[in-house]
């Protein structure tokens, strides 16, 4: 099994059926995360009141990185790259040209908690690595 090595299993804590809540405890969506292609790909299937989206996540052994490609029903897309480190999966985009700010990048992290939940944090930073805004924080609880 090519994708059974430890590096390919680092993001398996996200696999499952989830209800997702905001910091106030309100349910904001559901996410179905499945393993595909003999464990070589993790597919995300997000749904909320007004939005659906899918991401494909995979470990690239060539550069020892995790990668995500996200596409949603509003035409949005994200391309992220990162690593699993200190109990967190952390991926970020390349610098992007903004309308209100010259350059920024997106960073999304996923952290498994002791109770089995997962906290996903999506932040935007400027090119000097200063936090601009928290776009989303979701608390994943298994269905």
Protein backbone atom coordinates (compact mmCIF):
# COMPACT_ATOMS: atom_id res chain seq x y z
CA UNK A 1 0.00 0.00 0.00
CA UNK A 2 1.79 3.09 -1.27
CA UNK A 3 -0.23 5.54 0.82
CA UNK A 4 -0.10 3.57 4.09
CA UNK A 5 3.15 5.17 5.23
CA UNK A 6 2.95 7.44 8.29
CA UNK A 7 3.13 10.68 6.30
CA UNK A 8 0.02 9.74 4.31
CA UNK A 9 -1.91 9.09 7.55
CA UNK A 10 -1.23 12.45 9.23
CA UNK A 11 -4.56 14.01 8.18
CA UNK A 12 -6.71 10.93 8.86
CA UNK A 13 -7.98 12.51 12.09
CA UNK A 14 -10.22 14.70 9.88
CA UNK A 15 -11.93 11.74 8.17
CA UNK A 16 -15.56 11.24 9.24
CA UNK A 17 -19.04 12.74 9.30
CA UNK A 18 -19.15 16.05 11.14
CA UNK A 19 -21.51 18.72 12.38
CA UNK A 20 -19.64 22.04 12.42
CA UNK A 21 -20.28 24.80 14.98
CA UNK A 22 -19.06 28.37 15.36
CA UNK A 23 -17.47 29.69 18.56
CA UNK A 24 -20.90 30.65 19.89
CA UNK A 25 -22.05 27.02 19.62
CA UNK A 26 -24.39 27.51 16.64
CA UNK A 27 -24.36 24.86 13.93
CA UNK A 28 -23.01 26.43 10.73
CA UNK A 29 -22.71 23.41 8.47
CA UNK A 30 -21.90 19.78 7.91
CA UNK A 31 -18.82 18.17 6.46
CA UNK A 32 -18.30 14.67 5.14
CA UNK A 33 -14.60 13.81 4.88
CA UNK A 34 -13.75 10.57 3.09
CA UNK A 35 -10.62 8.65 2.18
CA UNK A 36 -10.28 7.82 -1.52
CA UNK A 37 -7.85 6.24 -3.98
CA UNK A 38 -6.58 3.60 -1.52
CA UNK A 39 -5.89 6.25 1.13
CA UNK A 40 -3.95 8.56 -1.18
CA UNK A 41 -6.61 11.32 -1.27
CA UNK A 42 -8.90 12.84 1.35
CA UNK A 43 -12.05 14.41 -0.11
CA UNK A 44 -13.99 17.10 1.77
CA UNK A 45 -17.70 17.67 1.08
CA UNK A 46 -18.93 20.83 2.82
CA UNK A 47 -22.55 21.98 2.99
CA UNK A 48 -24.16 24.88 4.80
CA UNK A 49 -27.31 26.93 4.30
CA UNK A 50 -26.03 28.85 1.27
CA UNK A 51 -22.83 27.10 0.30
CA UNK A 52 -21.37 23.81 -0.84
CA UNK A 53 -17.77 23.01 -1.57
CA UNK A 54 -15.35 20.20 -2.18
CA UNK A 55 -11.66 19.91 -1.51
CA UNK A 56 -9.09 17.30 -2.40
CA UNK A 57 -6.22 16.85 0.03
CA UNK A 58 -3.11 14.79 -0.61
CA UNK A 59 0.42 14.21 0.58
CA UNK A 60 3.10 14.92 -2.04
CA UNK A 61 6.14 12.75 -1.32
CA UNK A 62 8.22 14.70 -3.85
CA UNK A 63 8.43 17.77 -1.58
CA UNK A 64 7.06 16.23 1.67
CA UNK A 65 4.06 18.60 1.69
CA UNK A 66 0.32 18.38 2.21
CA UNK A 67 -1.79 20.05 -0.46
CA UNK A 68 -5.41 21.14 -0.77
CA UNK A 69 -7.45 22.28 -3.76
CA UNK A 70 -10.85 23.75 -2.79
CA UNK A 71 -13.72 24.71 -5.14
CA UNK A 72 -17.16 25.94 -4.06
CA UNK A 73 -20.55 26.67 -5.59
CA UNK A 74 -19.89 30.44 -5.53
CA UNK A 75 -16.94 30.10 -7.89
CA UNK A 76 -14.41 30.42 -5.10
CA UNK A 77 -11.22 28.41 -5.04
CA UNK A 78 -8.20 27.98 -2.80
CA UNK A 79 -4.89 26.24 -3.37
CA UNK A 80 -2.99 25.50 -0.17
CA UNK A 81 0.28 23.81 0.76
CA UNK A 82 1.72 22.92 4.13
CA UNK A 83 2.79 20.38 6.70
CA UNK A 84 1.62 18.49 9.75
CA UNK A 85 3.50 19.86 12.74
CA UNK A 86 3.03 19.74 16.52
CA UNK A 87 -0.39 18.07 16.30
CA UNK A 88 -1.75 20.48 13.67
CA UNK A 89 -2.20 20.38 9.93
CA UNK A 90 -1.25 23.86 8.69
CA UNK A 91 -1.58 24.87 5.04
CA UNK A 92 -1.33 28.26 3.38
CA UNK A 93 -1.73 29.83 -0.02
CA UNK A 94 0.85 31.70 -2.02
CA UNK A 95 0.73 35.50 -1.81
CA UNK A 96 -2.38 36.76 -3.57
CA UNK A 97 -3.15 40.22 -4.97
CA UNK A 98 -6.09 41.80 -3.17
CA UNK A 99 -8.53 44.58 -3.96
CA UNK A 100 -8.27 46.38 -0.60
CA UNK A 101 -4.79 45.21 0.37
CA UNK A 102 -1.81 44.74 -1.90
CA UNK A 103 -0.85 41.19 -1.02
CA UNK A 104 -2.17 38.61 1.42
CA UNK A 105 -2.23 34.89 1.99
CA UNK A 106 -4.72 32.46 3.50
CA UNK A 107 -3.71 30.03 6.21
CA UNK A 108 -5.94 27.21 7.39
CA UNK A 109 -5.13 24.91 10.30
CA UNK A 110 -6.85 21.82 11.65
CA UNK A 111 -6.18 20.64 15.18
CA UNK A 112 -7.51 17.48 16.80
CA UNK A 113 -8.59 18.02 20.40
CA UNK A 114 -8.50 15.50 23.25
CA UNK A 115 -12.30 15.03 23.12
CA UNK A 116 -12.07 13.92 19.45
CA UNK A 117 -13.34 17.21 18.02
CA UNK A 118 -11.36 19.12 15.40
CA UNK A 119 -10.93 22.90 15.35
CA UNK A 120 -10.45 24.46 11.91
CA UNK A 121 -9.11 28.02 11.80
CA UNK A 122 -8.91 30.08 8.60
CA UNK A 123 -6.93 33.31 8.90
CA UNK A 124 -5.72 35.88 6.39
CA UNK A 125 -2.28 37.50 6.79
CA UNK A 126 -0.48 40.32 5.01
CA UNK A 127 2.87 39.81 3.32
CA UNK A 128 4.65 40.71 6.59
CA UNK A 129 2.83 37.83 8.32
CA UNK A 130 0.54 40.13 10.33
CA UNK A 131 -2.93 38.76 11.00
CA UNK A 132 -5.55 40.68 9.02
CA UNK A 133 -8.73 38.76 9.83
CA UNK A 134 -10.05 35.47 11.12
CA UNK A 135 -12.22 34.33 8.21
CA UNK A 136 -13.65 31.23 9.89
CA UNK A 137 -13.30 29.15 13.01
CA UNK A 138 -15.24 25.90 13.05
CA UNK A 139 -15.53 23.28 15.75
CA UNK A 140 -16.10 19.84 14.22
CA UNK A 141 -18.07 17.35 16.30
CA UNK A 142 -18.70 13.83 15.04
CA UNK A 143 -22.26 13.02 14.04
